[in-house]
């Protein structure tokens, strides 16, 4: 009986510890699709005009920037259509995980 009680109490503390570890991160994952309205190369941030509001995201060395091939932060220009997957951390800073530059199809001038 004592052994079962010790195991039960130990299991309880392990579960509490794991729960506290996960809740400490509090990282929200979000996505925004829209037009780039600002690029700050010094701060490595872009602002995207989303449907509900503008979102400014920070790109770090882990951020993947894609179009039809891998690009760099300097390839992002005002007016580009992008989809950004990002994390919101405890400090409220939006950190981009992936920025995809959406290729706009070229319309044919022949009218077909």
Protein backbone atom coordinates (compact mmCIF):
# COMPACT_ATOMS: atom_id res chain seq x y z
CA UNK A 1 0.00 0.00 0.00
CA UNK A 2 2.82 2.40 0.88
CA UNK A 3 4.55 1.60 -2.40
CA UNK A 4 1.38 2.38 -4.39
CA UNK A 5 0.94 5.69 -2.55
CA UNK A 6 4.55 6.71 -3.26
CA UNK A 7 4.16 5.82 -6.95
CA UNK A 8 0.88 7.74 -7.15
CA UNK A 9 2.33 10.85 -5.50
CA UNK A 10 5.47 10.68 -7.68
CA UNK A 11 3.34 10.37 -10.82
CA UNK A 12 1.29 13.38 -9.74
CA UNK A 13 4.42 15.54 -9.36
CA UNK A 14 5.76 14.42 -12.75
CA UNK A 15 2.48 15.37 -14.43
CA UNK A 16 2.41 18.75 -12.68
CA UNK A 17 6.01 19.44 -13.70
CA UNK A 18 5.36 18.54 -17.35
CA UNK A 19 2.19 20.66 -17.45
CA UNK A 20 4.02 23.66 -15.99
CA UNK A 21 6.84 23.29 -18.53
CA UNK A 22 4.43 23.34 -21.48
CA UNK A 23 2.32 26.20 -20.15
CA UNK A 24 5.42 28.35 -19.58
CA UNK A 25 6.05 28.58 -23.33
CA UNK A 26 2.62 30.03 -24.24
CA UNK A 27 3.54 30.30 -27.91
CA UNK A 28 0.70 30.96 -30.31
CA UNK A 29 1.09 30.03 -33.96
CA UNK A 30 -0.64 32.23 -36.50
CA UNK A 31 -0.74 32.98 -40.20
CA UNK A 32 -1.39 36.12 -42.21
CA UNK A 33 -1.79 36.53 -45.97
CA UNK A 34 -1.70 39.93 -47.60
CA UNK A 35 0.39 42.69 -49.13
CA UNK A 36 3.74 43.82 -47.75
CA UNK A 37 3.35 47.48 -46.76
CA UNK A 38 6.73 48.03 -45.07
CA UNK A 39 10.18 46.42 -45.03
CA UNK A 40 12.76 47.34 -42.38
CA UNK A 41 16.05 45.66 -43.30
CA UNK A 42 17.85 47.03 -40.22
CA UNK A 43 15.33 45.38 -37.86
CA UNK A 44 14.60 42.42 -40.20
CA UNK A 45 10.87 43.12 -40.02
CA UNK A 46 8.08 43.31 -42.55
CA UNK A 47 4.55 44.61 -42.13
CA UNK A 48 1.76 42.73 -43.89
CA UNK A 49 -1.68 44.22 -44.47
CA UNK A 50 -3.95 41.37 -43.45
CA UNK A 51 -7.74 41.15 -43.66
CA UNK A 52 -8.33 42.19 -40.06
CA UNK A 53 -5.24 44.26 -39.27
CA UNK A 54 -1.62 44.96 -40.13
CA UNK A 55 0.86 42.46 -38.71
CA UNK A 56 4.57 43.17 -38.24
CA UNK A 57 6.80 40.09 -38.08
CA UNK A 58 10.48 39.65 -37.29
CA UNK A 59 12.60 37.38 -39.49
CA UNK A 60 15.58 35.66 -37.91
CA UNK A 61 18.22 33.22 -39.18
CA UNK A 62 15.74 30.33 -38.87
CA UNK A 63 13.03 32.01 -40.99
CA UNK A 64 12.54 30.27 -44.33
CA UNK A 65 11.76 32.65 -47.19
CA UNK A 66 10.33 30.97 -50.26
CA UNK A 67 9.00 31.80 -53.68
CA UNK A 68 9.54 29.25 -56.40
CA UNK A 69 12.94 28.74 -54.77
CA UNK A 70 14.54 29.76 -51.50
CA UNK A 71 15.00 33.53 -51.21
CA UNK A 72 16.56 35.90 -48.71
CA UNK A 73 15.04 38.69 -46.63
CA UNK A 74 16.36 41.32 -49.06
CA UNK A 75 14.19 39.81 -51.83
CA UNK A 76 10.99 40.93 -50.08
CA UNK A 77 9.65 44.20 -51.50
CA UNK A 78 6.76 46.52 -50.67
CA UNK A 79 3.76 45.40 -52.71
CA UNK A 80 4.68 41.69 -52.68
CA UNK A 81 1.84 39.32 -51.86
CA UNK A 82 2.97 37.01 -49.05
CA UNK A 83 1.78 34.35 -46.66
CA UNK A 84 3.58 34.39 -43.31
CA UNK A 85 3.47 31.65 -40.69
CA UNK A 86 4.65 33.09 -37.39
CA UNK A 87 4.77 32.58 -33.63
CA UNK A 88 3.61 35.03 -30.98
CA UNK A 89 5.81 34.64 -27.89
CA UNK A 90 5.31 35.83 -24.32
CA UNK A 91 7.00 39.13 -25.17
CA UNK A 92 4.33 39.69 -27.88
CA UNK A 93 7.00 39.66 -30.61
CA UNK A 94 5.86 37.98 -33.82
CA UNK A 95 8.64 35.75 -35.16
CA UNK A 96 8.24 34.46 -38.70
CA UNK A 97 8.80 30.75 -39.24
CA UNK A 98 8.15 30.90 -42.98
CA UNK A 99 7.48 33.71 -45.45
CA UNK A 100 6.14 32.60 -48.82
CA UNK A 101 6.21 35.21 -51.58
CA UNK A 102 3.16 34.52 -53.71
CA UNK A 103 3.87 34.59 -57.42
CA UNK A 104 1.30 36.61 -59.32
CA UNK A 105 0.41 34.94 -62.62
CA UNK A 106 1.19 37.04 -65.68
CA UNK A 107 -1.98 37.83 -67.64
CA UNK A 108 -1.87 37.18 -71.35
CA UNK A 109 -2.17 40.32 -73.50
CA UNK A 110 -3.72 38.37 -76.38
CA UNK A 111 -7.15 38.40 -74.71
CA UNK A 112 -7.55 34.59 -74.79
